[in-house]
Amino acid sequence: MKITDIFNRNLQGAYRQALDSKDGKEVIADLKKFCRVQESCLSDDPIALARIEGRREVMFHIMHKLKIDYEALYDINHNYDILTEIEQS
């Protein structure tokens, strides 16, 4: 196993530990809205479009680290235990 694989696995665990709580789920729900993950990103202003796409990229990175797929993120809200749901599947 490569050192980068070990680092990535540890980092993934850190994301899960940081966000696998009631507060963490509220953060994910807030980021989902702020990053406009479920909205189209059309704009005539290239700067605004780049900003929106940057936000989305950050959220997709977090989703990747937590192994949350797009369909699961669609259902997340402040009371939904998304991380537990994913671990059980």
C-alpha atoms as a PDB file:
ATOM      1  CA  MET A   1       0.000   0.000   0.000  1.00  0.00           C
ATOM      2  CA  LYS A   2       1.330   3.441  -0.919  1.00  0.00           C
ATOM      3  CA  ILE A   3       1.784   6.197   1.637  1.00  0.00           C
ATOM      4  CA  THR A   4      -0.685   8.344  -0.333  1.00  0.00           C
ATOM      5  CA  ASP A   5      -3.323   5.611   0.063  1.00  0.00           C
ATOM      6  CA  ILE A   6      -2.784   5.592   3.824  1.00  0.00           C
ATOM      7  CA  PHE A   7      -2.936   9.405   3.939  1.00  0.00           C
ATOM      8  CA  ASN A   8      -6.156   9.474   1.906  1.00  0.00           C
ATOM      9  CA  ARG A   9      -7.767   6.831   4.108  1.00  0.00           C
ATOM     10  CA  ASN A  10      -6.800   8.770   7.257  1.00  0.00           C
ATOM     11  CA  LEU A  11      -8.068  12.014   5.734  1.00  0.00           C
ATOM     12  CA  GLN A  12     -11.349  10.356   4.791  1.00  0.00           C
ATOM     13  CA  GLY A  13     -11.693   9.207   8.396  1.00  0.00           C
ATOM     14  CA  ALA A  14     -11.016  12.733   9.599  1.00  0.00           C
ATOM     15  CA  TYR A  15     -13.783  14.103   7.379  1.00  0.00           C
ATOM     16  CA  ARG A  16     -16.163  11.470   8.684  1.00  0.00           C
ATOM     17  CA  GLN A  17     -15.207  12.126  12.311  1.00  0.00           C
ATOM     18  CA  ALA A  18     -15.613  15.887  11.880  1.00  0.00           C
ATOM     19  CA  LEU A  19     -18.968  15.697  10.135  1.00  0.00           C
ATOM     20  CA  ASP A  20     -20.589  12.586  11.638  1.00  0.00           C
ATOM     21  CA  SER A  21     -22.516  14.469  14.293  1.00  0.00           C
ATOM     22  CA  LYS A  22     -25.692  16.490  14.529  1.00  0.00           C
ATOM     23  CA  ASP A  23     -23.695  19.687  14.017  1.00  0.00           C
ATOM     24  CA  GLY A  24     -21.764  18.121  11.148  1.00  0.00           C
ATOM     25  CA  LYS A  25     -24.972  17.182   9.388  1.00  0.00           C
ATOM     26  CA  GLU A  26     -26.215  20.746   9.781  1.00  0.00           C
ATOM     27  CA  VAL A  27     -22.964  21.939   8.207  1.00  0.00           C
ATOM     28  CA  ILE A  28     -23.420  19.555   5.271  1.00  0.00           C
ATOM     29  CA  ALA A  29     -27.023  20.704   4.787  1.00  0.00           C
ATOM     30  CA  ASP A  30     -25.916  24.355   4.871  1.00  0.00           C
ATOM     31  CA  LEU A  31     -23.057  23.737   2.443  1.00  0.00           C
ATOM     32  CA  LYS A  32     -25.436  21.933   0.113  1.00  0.00           C
ATOM     33  CA  LYS A  33     -27.465  25.128  -0.149  1.00  0.00           C
ATOM     34  CA  PHE A  34     -24.522  27.548  -0.193  1.00  0.00           C
ATOM     35  CA  CYS A  35     -22.615  25.569  -2.826  1.00  0.00           C
ATOM     36  CA  ARG A  36     -25.717  25.294  -5.022  1.00  0.00           C
ATOM     37  CA  VAL A  37     -25.167  21.605  -5.586  1.00  0.00           C
ATOM     38  CA  GLN A  38     -28.731  21.073  -6.785  1.00  0.00           C
ATOM     39  CA  GLU A  39     -29.044  24.190  -8.913  1.00  0.00           C
ATOM     40  CA  SER A  40     -28.017  24.877 -12.466  1.00  0.00           C
ATOM     41  CA  CYS A  41     -25.007  27.133 -12.729  1.00  0.00           C
ATOM     42  CA  LEU A  42     -25.815  29.430 -15.589  1.00  0.00           C
ATOM     43  CA  SER A  43     -24.636  33.025 -15.605  1.00  0.00           C
ATOM     44  CA  ASP A  44     -23.722  35.590 -18.218  1.00  0.00           C
ATOM     45  CA  ASP A  45     -21.001  36.832 -15.878  1.00  0.00           C
ATOM     46  CA  PRO A  46     -17.910  34.593 -16.170  1.00  0.00           C
ATOM     47  CA  ILE A  47     -16.645  35.667 -12.733  1.00  0.00           C
ATOM     48  CA  ALA A  48     -19.951  34.751 -11.074  1.00  0.00           C
ATOM     49  CA  LEU A  49     -20.017  31.439 -12.948  1.00  0.00           C
ATOM     50  CA  ALA A  50     -16.464  30.624 -11.824  1.00  0.00           C
ATOM     51  CA  ARG A  51     -17.381  31.434  -8.207  1.00  0.00           C
ATOM     52  CA  ILE A  52     -20.465  29.207  -8.330  1.00  0.00           C
ATOM     53  CA  GLU A  53     -18.534  26.348  -9.935  1.00  0.00           C
ATOM     54  CA  GLY A  54     -15.794  26.724  -7.316  1.00  0.00           C
ATOM     55  CA  ARG A  55     -18.350  26.352  -4.543  1.00  0.00           C
ATOM     56  CA  ARG A  56     -19.788  23.266  -6.198  1.00  0.00           C
ATOM     57  CA  GLU A  57     -16.324  21.759  -6.586  1.00  0.00           C
ATOM     58  CA  VAL A  58     -15.670  22.126  -2.847  1.00  0.00           C
ATOM     59  CA  MET A  59     -18.947  20.387  -1.991  1.00  0.00           C
ATOM     60  CA  PHE A  60     -18.254  17.593  -4.466  1.00  0.00           C
ATOM     61  CA  HIS A  61     -14.829  17.135  -2.842  1.00  0.00           C
ATOM     62  CA  ILE A  62     -16.468  16.803   0.581  1.00  0.00           C
ATOM     63  CA  MET A  63     -19.014  14.364  -0.860  1.00  0.00           C
ATOM     64  CA  HIS A  64     -16.187  12.289  -2.327  1.00  0.00           C
ATOM     65  CA  LYS A  65     -14.315  12.177   0.984  1.00  0.00           C
ATOM     66  CA  LEU A  66     -17.481  11.128   2.842  1.00  0.00           C
ATOM     67  CA  LYS A  67     -18.527   8.725   0.066  1.00  0.00           C
ATOM     68  CA  ILE A  68     -21.871  10.504  -0.305  1.00  0.00           C
ATOM     69  CA  ASP A  69     -23.372  10.127  -3.752  1.00  0.00           C
ATOM     70  CA  TYR A  70     -25.486  12.796  -5.405  1.00  0.00           C
ATOM     71  CA  GLU A  71     -28.756  10.938  -4.811  1.00  0.00           C
ATOM     72  CA  ALA A  72     -28.040  10.607  -1.082  1.00  0.00           C
ATOM     73  CA  LEU A  73     -27.127  14.292  -0.871  1.00  0.00           C
ATOM     74  CA  TYR A  74     -30.448  15.153  -2.497  1.00  0.00           C
ATOM     75  CA  ASP A  75     -32.243  13.679   0.531  1.00  0.00           C
ATOM     76  CA  ILE A  76     -30.100  15.237   3.224  1.00  0.00           C
ATOM     77  CA  ASN A  77     -31.592  17.722   5.642  1.00  0.00           C
ATOM     78  CA  HIS A  78     -30.789  18.758   9.185  1.00  0.00           C
ATOM     79  CA  ASN A  79     -32.447  15.684  10.712  1.00  0.00           C
ATOM     80  CA  TYR A  80     -31.288  13.012   8.253  1.00  0.00           C
ATOM     81  CA  ASP A  81     -28.458  10.759   9.395  1.00  0.00           C
ATOM     82  CA  ILE A  82     -26.789  10.500   5.990  1.00  0.00           C
ATOM     83  CA  LEU A  83     -23.474   9.114   7.189  1.00  0.00           C
ATOM     84  CA  THR A  84     -25.085   6.293   9.164  1.00  0.00           C
ATOM     85  CA  GLU A  85     -27.355   5.520   6.210  1.00  0.00           C
ATOM     86  CA  ILE A  86     -24.359   5.209   3.882  1.00  0.00           C
ATOM     87  CA  GLU A  87     -22.429   3.005   6.326  1.00  0.00           C
ATOM     88  CA  GLN A  88     -25.355   0.559   6.493  1.00  0.00           C
ATOM     89  CA  SER A  89     -25.562   0.094   2.714  1.00  0.00           C
END
